[in-house]
Amino acid sequence: MSVLLKDRVWVMLSEVTKRGVYPLHSYRLGIFRLPVNLTDESTITNIANEIKKNGFKVDRYADRIYAKYDWKESDIDPLTGKELSTNIDIVVEVVTGEVIDLIYQIQPIEKFGDFYWVKNYRQKANEKAKMVIDTILRNTSIGDKLVSHYQKIEKLSLEKSIEKLNDLTPLATNPKIRSLNPPPPPAASASLSQEIATSDIRPAKTTSPPTSVPASTADTSISLTGSGTDYSKVEGPIDTSFKSSRQKTGKFKGISVWGPVDPPGQLGIWGDSVCVDFDICIGDGACIEACPVNVYEWLETPGHPGSDKKPIMAREKDCIFCLACENVCPPQAIKIFQK
């Protein structure tokens, strides 16, 4: 059973009989609400196209996407020996908005005709509906939004967030593999892409993928553990002139750390161009969500009075200096220095 819809499925009964086939006729209703926002028209259109690429029939109406999956049931009539067959379908409704609702409804078999010979119809329809939902979450941008939600709200690392999404959707078909170092979105416009596509110049110029320092080979001289616990939360904003008033104490996985540092209670300011005062940071995750090129990821800092997780600038070189993170940081713990 899909973990996603566990304990969120209801059975509704209706006292309607038909030729004695069933004493009670019923339909099953499943609904699950995702705490992610989906209101942008272009994003909704893109997700509808992604669902279609996964083999489902897609229809749209207003703020809703309908994904239909159909399959064929067949059997042999024990009296006549003739082959019996019929096409059956299940529809999953994606309701967009400030939150996303995933809904499916299993109608009585009579919806498709008098196919009394179909065995275990409701069980099969229930499993296929959950498969459709798991596939939508795993293989579309909705899954990316859910991963970002886990990073921001539950303060999970990117790796743990992806793992949680995978555990949540075990029935997904052809599951998408998400990278721990996602590349930034392409900077070229549609017209530029078209110009490159039609150009006679070959080979086309390509951009290198984002780079991060491997943990095993990175330059690391700063520890996150120690005996420095006599510290309290520090109020912002960050000292924008810290480069002239502080000295570099060392590095953590290649990232510069400006002192004083006395872990775990005092961690200093981290970064050269993307700089975060870890002593001011409250770990709310606003910068992680705002960054369009995924510069940040969570770093566990247990024992720090401000928060037990900080947004480390793991892909500092990928910063495009949009200042989105600096502008959304509540305690003003971030300073971006343009090269």
C-alpha atoms as a PDB file:
ATOM      1  CA  MET A   1       0.000   0.000   0.000  1.00  0.00           C
ATOM      2  CA  SER A   2       1.217   3.480  -0.807  1.00  0.00           C
ATOM      3  CA  VAL A   3       2.454   5.254   2.298  1.00  0.00           C
ATOM      4  CA  LEU A   4       1.076   8.484   0.861  1.00  0.00           C
ATOM      5  CA  LEU A   5      -2.585   7.560   1.315  1.00  0.00           C
ATOM      6  CA  LYS A   6      -2.348   5.388   4.401  1.00  0.00           C
ATOM      7  CA  ASP A   7      -5.321   6.121   6.698  1.00  0.00           C
ATOM      8  CA  ARG A   8      -6.601   8.735   4.242  1.00  0.00           C
ATOM      9  CA  VAL A   9      -9.018   6.580   2.267  1.00  0.00           C
ATOM     10  CA  TRP A  10     -12.727   6.451   2.977  1.00  0.00           C
ATOM     11  CA  VAL A  11     -15.418   4.028   1.803  1.00  0.00           C
ATOM     12  CA  MET A  12     -18.918   5.378   1.236  1.00  0.00           C
ATOM     13  CA  LEU A  13     -21.901   3.047   0.984  1.00  0.00           C
ATOM     14  CA  SER A  14     -25.178   3.467  -0.849  1.00  0.00           C
ATOM     15  CA  GLU A  15     -28.125   1.108  -0.320  1.00  0.00           C
ATOM     16  CA  VAL A  16     -28.842   0.512  -3.975  1.00  0.00           C
ATOM     17  CA  THR A  17     -29.273  -2.995  -5.317  1.00  0.00           C
ATOM     18  CA  LYS A  18     -29.045  -4.083  -8.914  1.00  0.00           C
ATOM     19  CA  ARG A  19     -30.082  -7.543 -10.015  1.00  0.00           C
ATOM     20  CA  GLY A  20     -28.680  -9.035  -6.849  1.00  0.00           C
ATOM     21  CA  VAL A  21     -25.077  -8.595  -7.948  1.00  0.00           C
ATOM     22  CA  TYR A  22     -24.095  -6.787  -4.749  1.00  0.00           C
ATOM     23  CA  PRO A  23     -26.195  -6.241  -1.625  1.00  0.00           C
ATOM     24  CA  LEU A  24     -24.518  -2.864  -1.204  1.00  0.00           C
ATOM     25  CA  HIS A  25     -22.908  -0.666  -3.840  1.00  0.00           C
ATOM     26  CA  SER A  26     -20.123   1.672  -2.833  1.00  0.00           C
ATOM     27  CA  TYR A  27     -17.328   3.842  -4.054  1.00  0.00           C
ATOM     28  CA  ARG A  28     -14.009   4.573  -2.450  1.00  0.00           C
ATOM     29  CA  LEU A  29     -12.700   8.105  -2.039  1.00  0.00           C
ATOM     30  CA  GLY A  30      -9.051   8.919  -1.366  1.00  0.00           C
ATOM     31  CA  ILE A  31      -7.719  12.400  -0.700  1.00  0.00           C
ATOM     32  CA  PHE A  32      -4.339  13.742   0.328  1.00  0.00           C
ATOM     33  CA  ARG A  33      -3.257  17.355   0.848  1.00  0.00           C
ATOM     34  CA  LEU A  34       0.278  18.522   0.113  1.00  0.00           C
ATOM     35  CA  PRO A  35       1.550  21.650   1.902  1.00  0.00           C
ATOM     36  CA  VAL A  36       3.090  23.172  -1.234  1.00  0.00           C
ATOM     37  CA  ASN A  37       2.011  26.102  -3.383  1.00  0.00           C
ATOM     38  CA  LEU A  38       1.050  25.643  -7.038  1.00  0.00           C
ATOM     39  CA  THR A  39      -0.571  28.762  -8.505  1.00  0.00           C
ATOM     40  CA  ASP A  40       1.693  29.832 -11.386  1.00  0.00           C
ATOM     41  CA  GLU A  41       0.001  29.082 -14.725  1.00  0.00           C
ATOM     42  CA  SER A  42       3.215  28.181 -16.548  1.00  0.00           C
ATOM     43  CA  THR A  43       4.238  25.789 -13.768  1.00  0.00           C
ATOM     44  CA  ILE A  44       0.818  24.120 -13.806  1.00  0.00           C
ATOM     45  CA  THR A  45       1.048  23.685 -17.588  1.00  0.00           C
ATOM     46  CA  ASN A  46       4.537  22.235 -17.250  1.00  0.00           C
ATOM     47  CA  ILE A  47       3.363  19.736 -14.626  1.00  0.00           C
ATOM     48  CA  ALA A  48       0.434  18.692 -16.833  1.00  0.00           C
ATOM     49  CA  ASN A  49       2.922  17.983 -19.629  1.00  0.00           C
ATOM     50  CA  GLU A  50       5.144  16.021 -17.237  1.00  0.00           C
ATOM     51  CA  ILE A  51       2.174  13.881 -16.188  1.00  0.00           C
ATOM     52  CA  LYS A  52       1.359  13.207 -19.843  1.00  0.00           C
ATOM     53  CA  LYS A  53       4.947  12.094 -20.496  1.00  0.00           C
ATOM     54  CA  ASN A  54       4.496   9.441 -17.810  1.00  0.00           C
ATOM     55  CA  GLY A  55       1.846   7.698 -19.919  1.00  0.00           C
ATOM     56  CA  PHE A  56      -1.362   9.087 -18.426  1.00  0.00           C
ATOM     57  CA  LYS A  57      -4.174  10.775 -20.322  1.00  0.00           C
ATOM     58  CA  VAL A  58      -4.355  14.380 -19.156  1.00  0.00           C
ATOM     59  CA  ASP A  59      -7.167  16.925 -19.158  1.00  0.00           C
ATOM     60  CA  ARG A  60      -7.280  20.386 -17.610  1.00  0.00           C
ATOM     61  CA  TYR A  61     -10.134  22.510 -16.373  1.00  0.00           C
ATOM     62  CA  ALA A  62      -9.668  25.791 -14.475  1.00  0.00           C
ATOM     63  CA  ASP A  63      -7.294  25.076 -11.577  1.00  0.00           C
ATOM     64  CA  ARG A  64      -7.430  21.285 -11.949  1.00  0.00           C
ATOM     65  CA  ILE A  65      -5.440  18.617 -13.724  1.00  0.00           C
ATOM     66  CA  TYR A  66      -7.048  15.239 -14.412  1.00  0.00           C
ATOM     67  CA  ALA A  67      -4.785  12.236 -14.945  1.00  0.00           C
ATOM     68  CA  LYS A  68      -6.542   9.115 -16.255  1.00  0.00           C
ATOM     69  CA  TYR A  69      -5.090   5.625 -16.312  1.00  0.00           C
ATOM     70  CA  ASP A  70      -6.932   2.843 -18.102  1.00  0.00           C
ATOM     71  CA  TRP A  71      -6.370  -0.892 -18.274  1.00  0.00           C
ATOM     72  CA  LYS A  72      -8.038  -3.927 -19.805  1.00  0.00           C
ATOM     73  CA  GLU A  73      -9.812  -6.680 -17.881  1.00  0.00           C
ATOM     74  CA  SER A  74     -10.433 -10.035 -19.572  1.00  0.00           C
ATOM     75  CA  ASP A  75     -11.849 -13.431 -18.644  1.00  0.00           C
ATOM     76  CA  ILE A  76     -13.578 -16.492 -20.127  1.00  0.00           C
ATOM     77  CA  ASP A  77     -17.328 -16.983 -19.760  1.00  0.00           C
ATOM     78  CA  PRO A  78     -17.664 -20.351 -17.967  1.00  0.00           C
ATOM     79  CA  LEU A  79     -20.981 -21.081 -19.721  1.00  0.00           C
ATOM     80  CA  THR A  80     -20.335 -20.068 -23.313  1.00  0.00           C
ATOM     81  CA  GLY A  81     -16.550 -20.274 -23.380  1.00  0.00           C
ATOM     82  CA  LYS A  82     -16.400 -16.879 -25.050  1.00  0.00           C
ATOM     83  CA  GLU A  83     -13.708 -14.371 -24.215  1.00  0.00           C
ATOM     84  CA  LEU A  84     -14.917 -11.429 -22.143  1.00  0.00           C
ATOM     85  CA  SER A  85     -13.103  -8.108 -22.060  1.00  0.00           C
ATOM     86  CA  THR A  86     -13.655  -4.495 -21.080  1.00  0.00           C
ATOM     87  CA  ASN A  87     -11.639  -1.300 -20.603  1.00  0.00           C
ATOM     88  CA  ILE A  88     -11.667   0.236 -17.123  1.00  0.00           C
ATOM     89  CA  ASP A  89     -10.119   3.490 -15.946  1.00  0.00           C
ATOM     90  CA  ILE A  90      -9.353   5.476 -12.833  1.00  0.00           C
ATOM     91  CA  VAL A  91      -8.958   9.264 -12.665  1.00  0.00           C
ATOM     92  CA  VAL A  92      -6.750  11.192 -10.231  1.00  0.00           C
ATOM     93  CA  GLU A  93      -7.618  14.857  -9.776  1.00  0.00           C
ATOM     94  CA  VAL A  94      -4.843  17.340  -8.943  1.00  0.00           C
ATOM     95  CA  VAL A  95      -6.378  20.466  -7.398  1.00  0.00           C
ATOM     96  CA  THR A  96      -3.882  23.331  -7.532  1.00  0.00           C
ATOM     97  CA  GLY A  97      -3.749  26.443  -5.358  1.00  0.00           C
ATOM     98  CA  GLU A  98      -2.117  27.538  -2.117  1.00  0.00           C
ATOM     99  CA  VAL A  99      -1.973  23.823  -1.318  1.00  0.00           C
ATOM    100  CA  ILE A 100      -2.308  20.800  -3.591  1.00  0.00           C
ATOM    101  CA  ASP A 101      -5.095  18.246  -3.158  1.00  0.00           C
ATOM    102  CA  LEU A 102      -4.782  14.819  -4.775  1.00  0.00           C
ATOM    103  CA  ILE A 103      -8.178  13.124  -5.067  1.00  0.00           C
ATOM    104  CA  TYR A 104      -9.425   9.893  -6.587  1.00  0.00           C
ATOM    105  CA  GLN A 105     -12.803   8.189  -6.536  1.00  0.00           C
ATOM    106  CA  ILE A 106     -13.522   4.549  -7.317  1.00  0.00           C
ATOM    107  CA  GLN A 107     -16.969   4.254  -8.817  1.00  0.00           C
ATOM    108  CA  PRO A 108     -19.024   1.032  -8.689  1.00  0.00           C
ATOM    109  CA  ILE A 109     -18.241  -1.387 -11.521  1.00  0.00           C
ATOM    110  CA  GLU A 110     -21.668  -0.605 -12.997  1.00  0.00           C
ATOM    111  CA  LYS A 111     -20.251   2.647 -14.301  1.00  0.00           C
ATOM    112  CA  PHE A 112     -18.554   0.634 -17.060  1.00  0.00           C
ATOM    113  CA  GLY A 113     -21.494  -1.718 -17.691  1.00  0.00           C
ATOM    114  CA  ASP A 114     -22.815  -4.976 -16.339  1.00  0.00           C
ATOM    115  CA  PHE A 115     -19.379  -6.522 -15.940  1.00  0.00           C
ATOM    116  CA  TYR A 116     -20.172  -8.754 -12.983  1.00  0.00           C
ATOM    117  CA  TRP A 117     -17.384 -11.118 -14.019  1.00  0.00           C
ATOM    118  CA  VAL A 118     -14.575  -8.635 -13.290  1.00  0.00           C
ATOM    119  CA  LYS A 119     -12.703  -9.907 -10.262  1.00  0.00           C
ATOM    120  CA  ASN A 120     -11.328  -7.697  -7.468  1.00  0.00           C
ATOM    121  CA  TYR A 121     -12.233  -4.524  -9.365  1.00  0.00           C
ATOM    122  CA  ARG A 122     -12.178  -2.160  -6.391  1.00  0.00           C
ATOM    123  CA  GLN A 123      -8.886  -3.511  -5.077  1.00  0.00           C
ATOM    124  CA  LYS A 124      -7.237  -3.155  -8.490  1.00  0.00           C
ATOM    125  CA  ALA A 125      -8.629   0.341  -9.014  1.00  0.00           C
ATOM    126  CA  ASN A 126      -7.452   1.385  -5.561  1.00  0.00           C
ATOM    127  CA  GLU A 127      -3.903   0.162  -6.223  1.00  0.00           C
ATOM    128  CA  LYS A 128      -3.737   1.767  -9.653  1.00  0.00           C
ATOM    129  CA  ALA A 129      -4.977   5.114  -8.311  1.00  0.00           C
ATOM    130  CA  LYS A 130      -2.224   5.096  -5.713  1.00  0.00           C
ATOM    131  CA  MET A 131       0.294   4.169  -8.405  1.00  0.00           C
ATOM    132  CA  VAL A 132      -0.797   7.203 -10.442  1.00  0.00           C
ATOM    133  CA  ILE A 133      -0.441   9.518  -7.428  1.00  0.00           C
ATOM    134  CA  ASP A 134       2.972   8.140  -6.459  1.00  0.00           C
ATOM    135  CA  THR A 135       4.187   8.504 -10.055  1.00  0.00           C
ATOM    136  CA  ILE A 136       2.954  12.106 -10.267  1.00  0.00           C
ATOM    137  CA  LEU A 137       4.753  13.038  -7.061  1.00  0.00           C
ATOM    138  CA  ARG A 138       7.991  11.236  -7.854  1.00  0.00           C
ATOM    139  CA  ASN A 139       8.305  12.205 -11.523  1.00  0.00           C
ATOM    140  CA  THR A 140       7.066  15.807 -11.749  1.00  0.00           C
ATOM    141  CA  SER A 141       7.950  19.221 -10.363  1.00  0.00           C
ATOM    142  CA  ILE A 142       5.475  18.631  -7.530  1.00  0.00           C
ATOM    143  CA  GLY A 143       8.069  16.278  -6.065  1.00  0.00           C
ATOM    144  CA  ASP A 144      10.712  19.012  -6.315  1.00  0.00           C
ATOM    145  CA  LYS A 145       8.418  21.386  -4.432  1.00  0.00           C
ATOM    146  CA  LEU A 146       7.835  18.761  -1.750  1.00  0.00           C
ATOM    147  CA  VAL A 147      11.591  18.227  -1.355  1.00  0.00           C
ATOM    148  CA  SER A 148      12.050  21.992  -0.907  1.00  0.00           C
ATOM    149  CA  HIS A 149       9.269  21.968   1.700  1.00  0.00           C
ATOM    150  CA  TYR A 150      11.035  19.252   3.696  1.00  0.00           C
ATOM    151  CA  GLN A 151      14.271  21.239   3.548  1.00  0.00           C
ATOM    152  CA  LYS A 152      12.689  24.465   4.751  1.00  0.00           C
ATOM    153  CA  ILE A 153      10.040  23.357   7.248  1.00  0.00           C
ATOM    154  CA  GLU A 154      11.459  20.100   8.592  1.00  0.00           C
ATOM    155  CA  LYS A 155      15.061  21.281   8.178  1.00  0.00           C
ATOM    156  CA  LEU A 156      16.143  18.094   6.460  1.00  0.00           C
ATOM    157  CA  SER A 157      19.203  17.904   4.247  1.00  0.00           C
ATOM    158  CA  LEU A 158      18.691  17.573   0.501  1.00  0.00           C
ATOM    159  CA  GLU A 159      19.654  13.899   0.712  1.00  0.00           C
ATOM    160  CA  LYS A 160      17.197  13.176   3.542  1.00  0.00           C
ATOM    161  CA  SER A 161      14.425  15.134   1.792  1.00  0.00           C
ATOM    162  CA  ILE A 162      14.816  13.101  -1.403  1.00  0.00           C
ATOM    163  CA  GLU A 163      14.917   9.895   0.635  1.00  0.00           C
ATOM    164  CA  LYS A 164      11.680  10.865   2.391  1.00  0.00           C
ATOM    165  CA  LEU A 165       9.959  11.543  -0.950  1.00  0.00           C
ATOM    166  CA  ASN A 166      11.121   8.163  -2.277  1.00  0.00           C
ATOM    167  CA  ASP A 167       9.854   6.364   0.838  1.00  0.00           C
ATOM    168  CA  LEU A 168       6.530   8.164   0.503  1.00  0.00           C
ATOM    169  CA  THR A 169       5.942   7.037  -3.093  1.00  0.00           C
ATOM    170  CA  PRO A 170       6.908   3.335  -3.381  1.00  0.00           C
ATOM    171  CA  LEU A 171       4.384   2.584  -6.149  1.00  0.00           C
ATOM    172  CA  ALA A 172       5.800   5.084  -8.676  1.00  0.00           C
ATOM    173  CA  THR A 173       6.545   3.648 -12.114  1.00  0.00           C
ATOM    174  CA  ASN A 174       9.864   4.505 -13.811  1.00  0.00           C
ATOM    175  CA  PRO A 175      10.823   6.621 -10.785  1.00  0.00           C
ATOM    176  CA  LYS A 176      12.837   9.760 -11.413  1.00  0.00           C
ATOM    177  CA  ILE A 177      16.324   9.880  -9.900  1.00  0.00           C
ATOM    178  CA  ARG A 178      16.991  13.246  -8.273  1.00  0.00           C
ATOM    179  CA  SER A 179      20.547  14.563  -8.090  1.00  0.00           C
ATOM    180  CA  LEU A 180      22.043  15.722  -4.810  1.00  0.00           C
ATOM    181  CA  ASN A 181      23.698  18.560  -6.759  1.00  0.00           C
ATOM    182  CA  PRO A 182      20.903  19.862  -9.021  1.00  0.00           C
ATOM    183  CA  PRO A 183      22.130  22.084 -11.873  1.00  0.00           C
ATOM    184  CA  PRO A 184      20.991  25.719 -12.044  1.00  0.00           C
ATOM    185  CA  PRO A 185      18.224  26.609 -14.489  1.00  0.00           C
ATOM    186  CA  PRO A 186      19.443  27.574 -17.969  1.00  0.00           C
ATOM    187  CA  ALA A 187      20.219  31.279 -18.315  1.00  0.00           C
ATOM    188  CA  ALA A 188      19.520  31.481 -22.031  1.00  0.00           C
ATOM    189  CA  SER A 189      16.180  32.823 -23.189  1.00  0.00           C
ATOM    190  CA  ALA A 190      13.843  30.959 -25.508  1.00  0.00           C
ATOM    191  CA  SER A 191      14.850  33.138 -28.451  1.00  0.00           C
ATOM    192  CA  LEU A 192      18.531  32.519 -27.753  1.00  0.00           C
ATOM    193  CA  SER A 193      17.883  28.776 -27.541  1.00  0.00           C
ATOM    194  CA  GLN A 194      16.133  28.914 -30.899  1.00  0.00           C
ATOM    195  CA  GLU A 195      19.037  30.883 -32.383  1.00  0.00           C
ATOM    196  CA  ILE A 196      21.528  28.312 -31.175  1.00  0.00           C
ATOM    197  CA  ALA A 197      19.357  25.441 -32.413  1.00  0.00           C
ATOM    198  CA  THR A 198      19.195  26.875 -35.937  1.00  0.00           C
ATOM    199  CA  SER A 199      22.803  28.025 -36.104  1.00  0.00           C
ATOM    200  CA  ASP A 200      25.250  26.315 -38.467  1.00  0.00           C
ATOM    201  CA  ILE A 201      28.028  26.739 -35.914  1.00  0.00           C
ATOM    202  CA  ARG A 202      29.071  23.446 -34.357  1.00  0.00           C
ATOM    203  CA  PRO A 203      29.831  22.298 -31.796  1.00  0.00           C
ATOM    204  CA  ALA A 204      27.479  24.372 -29.638  1.00  0.00           C
ATOM    205  CA  LYS A 205      28.919  25.992 -26.572  1.00  0.00           C
ATOM    206  CA  THR A 206      27.843  24.256 -23.393  1.00  0.00           C
ATOM    207  CA  THR A 207      27.987  25.330 -19.796  1.00  0.00           C
ATOM    208  CA  SER A 208      29.754  23.246 -17.209  1.00  0.00           C
ATOM    209  CA  PRO A 209      27.662  21.640 -14.443  1.00  0.00           C
ATOM    210  CA  PRO A 210      27.651  23.178 -10.967  1.00  0.00           C
ATOM    211  CA  THR A 211      30.591  22.164  -8.871  1.00  0.00           C
ATOM    212  CA  SER A 212      30.812  21.414  -5.189  1.00  0.00           C
ATOM    213  CA  VAL A 213      33.719  20.302  -3.069  1.00  0.00           C
ATOM    214  CA  PRO A 214      33.634  16.557  -2.275  1.00  0.00           C
ATOM    215  CA  ALA A 215      33.556  15.908   1.454  1.00  0.00           C
ATOM    216  CA  SER A 216      36.393  13.404   1.254  1.00  0.00           C
ATOM    217  CA  THR A 217      38.887  15.731  -0.457  1.00  0.00           C
ATOM    218  CA  ALA A 218      37.714  19.189   0.669  1.00  0.00           C
ATOM    219  CA  ASP A 219      39.948  21.538   2.608  1.00  0.00           C
ATOM    220  CA  THR A 220      38.572  21.276   6.154  1.00  0.00           C
ATOM    221  CA  SER A 221      40.194  22.683   9.270  1.00  0.00           C
ATOM    222  CA  ILE A 222      37.083  23.846  11.164  1.00  0.00           C
ATOM    223  CA  SER A 223      35.232  21.469  13.479  1.00  0.00           C
ATOM    224  CA  LEU A 224      31.557  21.779  14.433  1.00  0.00           C
ATOM    225  CA  THR A 225      32.100  20.155  17.814  1.00  0.00           C
ATOM    226  CA  GLY A 226      33.969  21.414  20.821  1.00  0.00           C
ATOM    227  CA  SER A 227      33.614  22.740  24.369  1.00  0.00           C
ATOM    228  CA  GLY A 228      32.383  26.254  23.564  1.00  0.00           C
ATOM    229  CA  THR A 229      28.877  26.260  25.028  1.00  0.00           C
ATOM    230  CA  ASP A 230      28.880  29.545  26.972  1.00  0.00           C
ATOM    231  CA  TYR A 231      27.101  31.524  24.240  1.00  0.00           C
ATOM    232  CA  SER A 232      23.589  32.844  23.638  1.00  0.00           C
ATOM    233  CA  LYS A 233      21.673  33.803  20.512  1.00  0.00           C
ATOM    234  CA  VAL A 234      23.132  36.807  18.637  1.00  0.00           C
ATOM    235  CA  GLU A 235      20.902  39.474  17.096  1.00  0.00           C
ATOM    236  CA  GLY A 236      21.380  40.692  13.504  1.00  0.00           C
ATOM    237  CA  PRO A 237      22.159  42.237  11.163  1.00  0.00           C
ATOM    238  CA  ILE A 238      25.451  40.833   9.892  1.00  0.00           C
ATOM    239  CA  ASP A 239      28.504  43.110  10.108  1.00  0.00           C
ATOM    240  CA  THR A 240      28.981  44.005   6.431  1.00  0.00           C
ATOM    241  CA  SER A 241      32.577  45.157   7.085  1.00  0.00           C
ATOM    242  CA  PHE A 242      33.615  41.890   8.741  1.00  0.00           C
ATOM    243  CA  LYS A 243      36.305  41.200   6.110  1.00  0.00           C
ATOM    244  CA  SER A 244      38.312  44.147   7.447  1.00  0.00           C
ATOM    245  CA  SER A 245      37.594  43.518  11.122  1.00  0.00           C
ATOM    246  CA  ARG A 246      37.864  39.712  11.240  1.00  0.00           C
ATOM    247  CA  GLN A 247      40.382  37.137  10.105  1.00  0.00           C
ATOM    248  CA  LYS A 248      39.872  33.817   8.371  1.00  0.00           C
ATOM    249  CA  THR A 249      40.077  31.081  10.972  1.00  0.00           C
ATOM    250  CA  GLY A 250      40.058  28.169   8.566  1.00  0.00           C
ATOM    251  CA  LYS A 251      37.898  26.309   6.084  1.00  0.00           C
ATOM    252  CA  PHE A 252      35.094  23.776   6.136  1.00  0.00           C
ATOM    253  CA  LYS A 253      34.870  21.653   2.969  1.00  0.00           C
ATOM    254  CA  GLY A 254      36.601  24.447   1.083  1.00  0.00           C
ATOM    255  CA  ILE A 255      34.355  27.222   2.458  1.00  0.00           C
ATOM    256  CA  SER A 256      36.095  30.093   4.262  1.00  0.00           C
ATOM    257  CA  VAL A 257      35.199  30.634   7.926  1.00  0.00           C
ATOM    258  CA  TRP A 258      35.805  34.015   9.561  1.00  0.00           C
ATOM    259  CA  GLY A 259      36.350  33.987  13.341  1.00  0.00           C
ATOM    260  CA  PRO A 260      36.087  34.091  16.195  1.00  0.00           C
ATOM    261  CA  VAL A 261      35.066  30.419  16.276  1.00  0.00           C
ATOM    262  CA  ASP A 262      34.450  28.369  19.420  1.00  0.00           C
ATOM    263  CA  PRO A 263      32.205  25.428  18.474  1.00  0.00           C
ATOM    264  CA  PRO A 264      29.526  24.433  18.963  1.00  0.00           C
ATOM    265  CA  GLY A 265      28.267  27.694  20.496  1.00  0.00           C
ATOM    266  CA  GLN A 266      30.140  30.192  18.316  1.00  0.00           C
ATOM    267  CA  LEU A 267      30.642  29.474  14.605  1.00  0.00           C
ATOM    268  CA  GLY A 268      31.563  32.822  13.031  1.00  0.00           C
ATOM    269  CA  ILE A 269      30.789  34.027   9.497  1.00  0.00           C
ATOM    270  CA  TRP A 270      31.000  31.582   6.584  1.00  0.00           C
ATOM    271  CA  GLY A 271      31.717  32.247   2.892  1.00  0.00           C
ATOM    272  CA  ASP A 272      33.649  34.588   0.636  1.00  0.00           C
ATOM    273  CA  SER A 273      31.003  35.911  -1.795  1.00  0.00           C
ATOM    274  CA  VAL A 274      27.912  34.274  -0.262  1.00  0.00           C
ATOM    275  CA  CYS A 275      28.370  35.049   3.418  1.00  0.00           C
ATOM    276  CA  VAL A 276      26.204  33.938   6.336  1.00  0.00           C
ATOM    277  CA  ASP A 277      26.775  34.824   9.967  1.00  0.00           C
ATOM    278  CA  PHE A 278      26.061  31.456  11.549  1.00  0.00           C
ATOM    279  CA  ASP A 279      25.805  33.044  15.005  1.00  0.00           C
ATOM    280  CA  ILE A 280      22.920  35.267  13.851  1.00  0.00           C
ATOM    281  CA  CYS A 281      21.230  32.644  11.616  1.00  0.00           C
ATOM    282  CA  ILE A 282      18.024  31.141  13.059  1.00  0.00           C
ATOM    283  CA  GLY A 283      17.786  28.320  10.515  1.00  0.00           C
ATOM    284  CA  ASP A 284      14.360  29.253   9.133  1.00  0.00           C
ATOM    285  CA  GLY A 285      15.284  28.102   5.592  1.00  0.00           C
ATOM    286  CA  ALA A 286      14.001  31.188   3.749  1.00  0.00           C
ATOM    287  CA  CYS A 287      17.296  31.504   1.861  1.00  0.00           C
ATOM    288  CA  ILE A 288      17.193  27.869   0.709  1.00  0.00           C
ATOM    289  CA  GLU A 289      13.706  28.330  -0.729  1.00  0.00           C
ATOM    290  CA  ALA A 290      14.471  31.718  -2.313  1.00  0.00           C
ATOM    291  CA  CYS A 291      17.726  30.800  -4.075  1.00  0.00           C
ATOM    292  CA  PRO A 292      16.990  30.106  -7.773  1.00  0.00           C
ATOM    293  CA  VAL A 293      20.250  28.195  -8.371  1.00  0.00           C
ATOM    294  CA  ASN A 294      20.370  25.984  -5.257  1.00  0.00           C
ATOM    295  CA  VAL A 295      23.467  27.491  -3.673  1.00  0.00           C
ATOM    296  CA  TYR A 296      22.485  26.392  -0.157  1.00  0.00           C
ATOM    297  CA  GLU A 297      21.863  23.112   1.586  1.00  0.00           C
ATOM    298  CA  TRP A 298      21.353  22.228   5.246  1.00  0.00           C
ATOM    299  CA  LEU A 299      24.310  21.661   7.581  1.00  0.00           C
ATOM    300  CA  GLU A 300      23.682  20.213  11.031  1.00  0.00           C
ATOM    301  CA  THR A 301      25.086  22.383  13.848  1.00  0.00           C
ATOM    302  CA  PRO A 302      23.898  20.722  17.063  1.00  0.00           C
ATOM    303  CA  GLY A 303      24.523  22.718  20.196  1.00  0.00           C
ATOM    304  CA  HIS A 304      24.398  26.163  18.598  1.00  0.00           C
ATOM    305  CA  PRO A 305      22.049  28.570  20.463  1.00  0.00           C
ATOM    306  CA  GLY A 306      20.641  30.106  17.260  1.00  0.00           C
ATOM    307  CA  SER A 307      19.549  26.866  15.582  1.00  0.00           C
ATOM    308  CA  ASP A 308      20.743  23.297  15.212  1.00  0.00           C
ATOM    309  CA  LYS A 309      20.931  23.577  11.398  1.00  0.00           C
ATOM    310  CA  LYS A 310      22.443  26.227   9.142  1.00  0.00           C
ATOM    311  CA  PRO A 311      22.258  26.913   5.376  1.00  0.00           C
ATOM    312  CA  ILE A 312      25.763  26.174   4.128  1.00  0.00           C
ATOM    313  CA  MET A 313      26.741  27.729   0.765  1.00  0.00           C
ATOM    314  CA  ALA A 314      27.716  24.340  -0.719  1.00  0.00           C
ATOM    315  CA  ARG A 315      27.647  25.707  -4.283  1.00  0.00           C
ATOM    316  CA  GLU A 316      28.918  29.233  -3.616  1.00  0.00           C
ATOM    317  CA  LYS A 317      30.462  29.520  -7.092  1.00  0.00           C
ATOM    318  CA  ASP A 318      27.031  29.091  -8.692  1.00  0.00           C
ATOM    319  CA  CYS A 319      25.658  32.315  -7.115  1.00  0.00           C
ATOM    320  CA  ILE A 320      24.174  34.701  -9.692  1.00  0.00           C
ATOM    321  CA  PHE A 321      24.093  37.637  -7.208  1.00  0.00           C
ATOM    322  CA  CYS A 322      20.327  38.128  -7.409  1.00  0.00           C
ATOM    323  CA  LEU A 323      20.294  38.992  -3.661  1.00  0.00           C
ATOM    324  CA  ALA A 324      17.090  36.972  -3.160  1.00  0.00           C
ATOM    325  CA  CYS A 325      18.486  35.196  -0.096  1.00  0.00           C
ATOM    326  CA  GLU A 326      19.824  38.416   1.418  1.00  0.00           C
ATOM    327  CA  ASN A 327      16.457  40.128   1.038  1.00  0.00           C
ATOM    328  CA  VAL A 328      14.352  37.337   2.616  1.00  0.00           C
ATOM    329  CA  CYS A 329      16.559  36.529   5.626  1.00  0.00           C
ATOM    330  CA  PRO A 330      14.527  37.516   8.750  1.00  0.00           C
ATOM    331  CA  PRO A 331      17.504  38.247  11.074  1.00  0.00           C
ATOM    332  CA  GLN A 332      19.555  39.780   8.194  1.00  0.00           C
ATOM    333  CA  ALA A 333      22.350  37.245   8.613  1.00  0.00           C
ATOM    334  CA  ILE A 334      23.371  37.185   4.924  1.00  0.00           C
ATOM    335  CA  LYS A 335      25.634  39.455   2.876  1.00  0.00           C
ATOM    336  CA  ILE A 336      26.322  38.896  -0.820  1.00  0.00           C
ATOM    337  CA  PHE A 337      29.557  40.319  -2.259  1.00  0.00           C
ATOM    338  CA  GLN A 338      29.488  40.589  -6.048  1.00  0.00           C
ATOM    339  CA  LYS A 339      32.673  39.654  -7.833  1.00  0.00           C
END
